[in-house]
């Protein structure tokens, strides 16, 4: 199906520290990668997302995956879903 030719897919990446490494999470696709530094983690998540999207494209499932993740498509390409808020909340366990 090859729909990815020269197309950029926007992703939102959250980087956090966990157990001594930096974890980068691509929220829309629920993919994660890690690295020794925040920059390493961001570079590694780009590699992981690229591989995931290329594999989906090769299997003919790319459009379905992106649409289920909230992406829309227009004449300029794929548009990421809009995140409205990102914050920390506390949950009472009582």
Foldseek 3Di string as FASTA:
>chain_A
DPPPVVADDDFDWDWDDDPQWIKIAGVLQRDIDIGNDPVRRVVVVVVVVVVVLVVCVVVVNNVVSQVVSPWDADPRGIDHDDDDDDDDDDDDPD
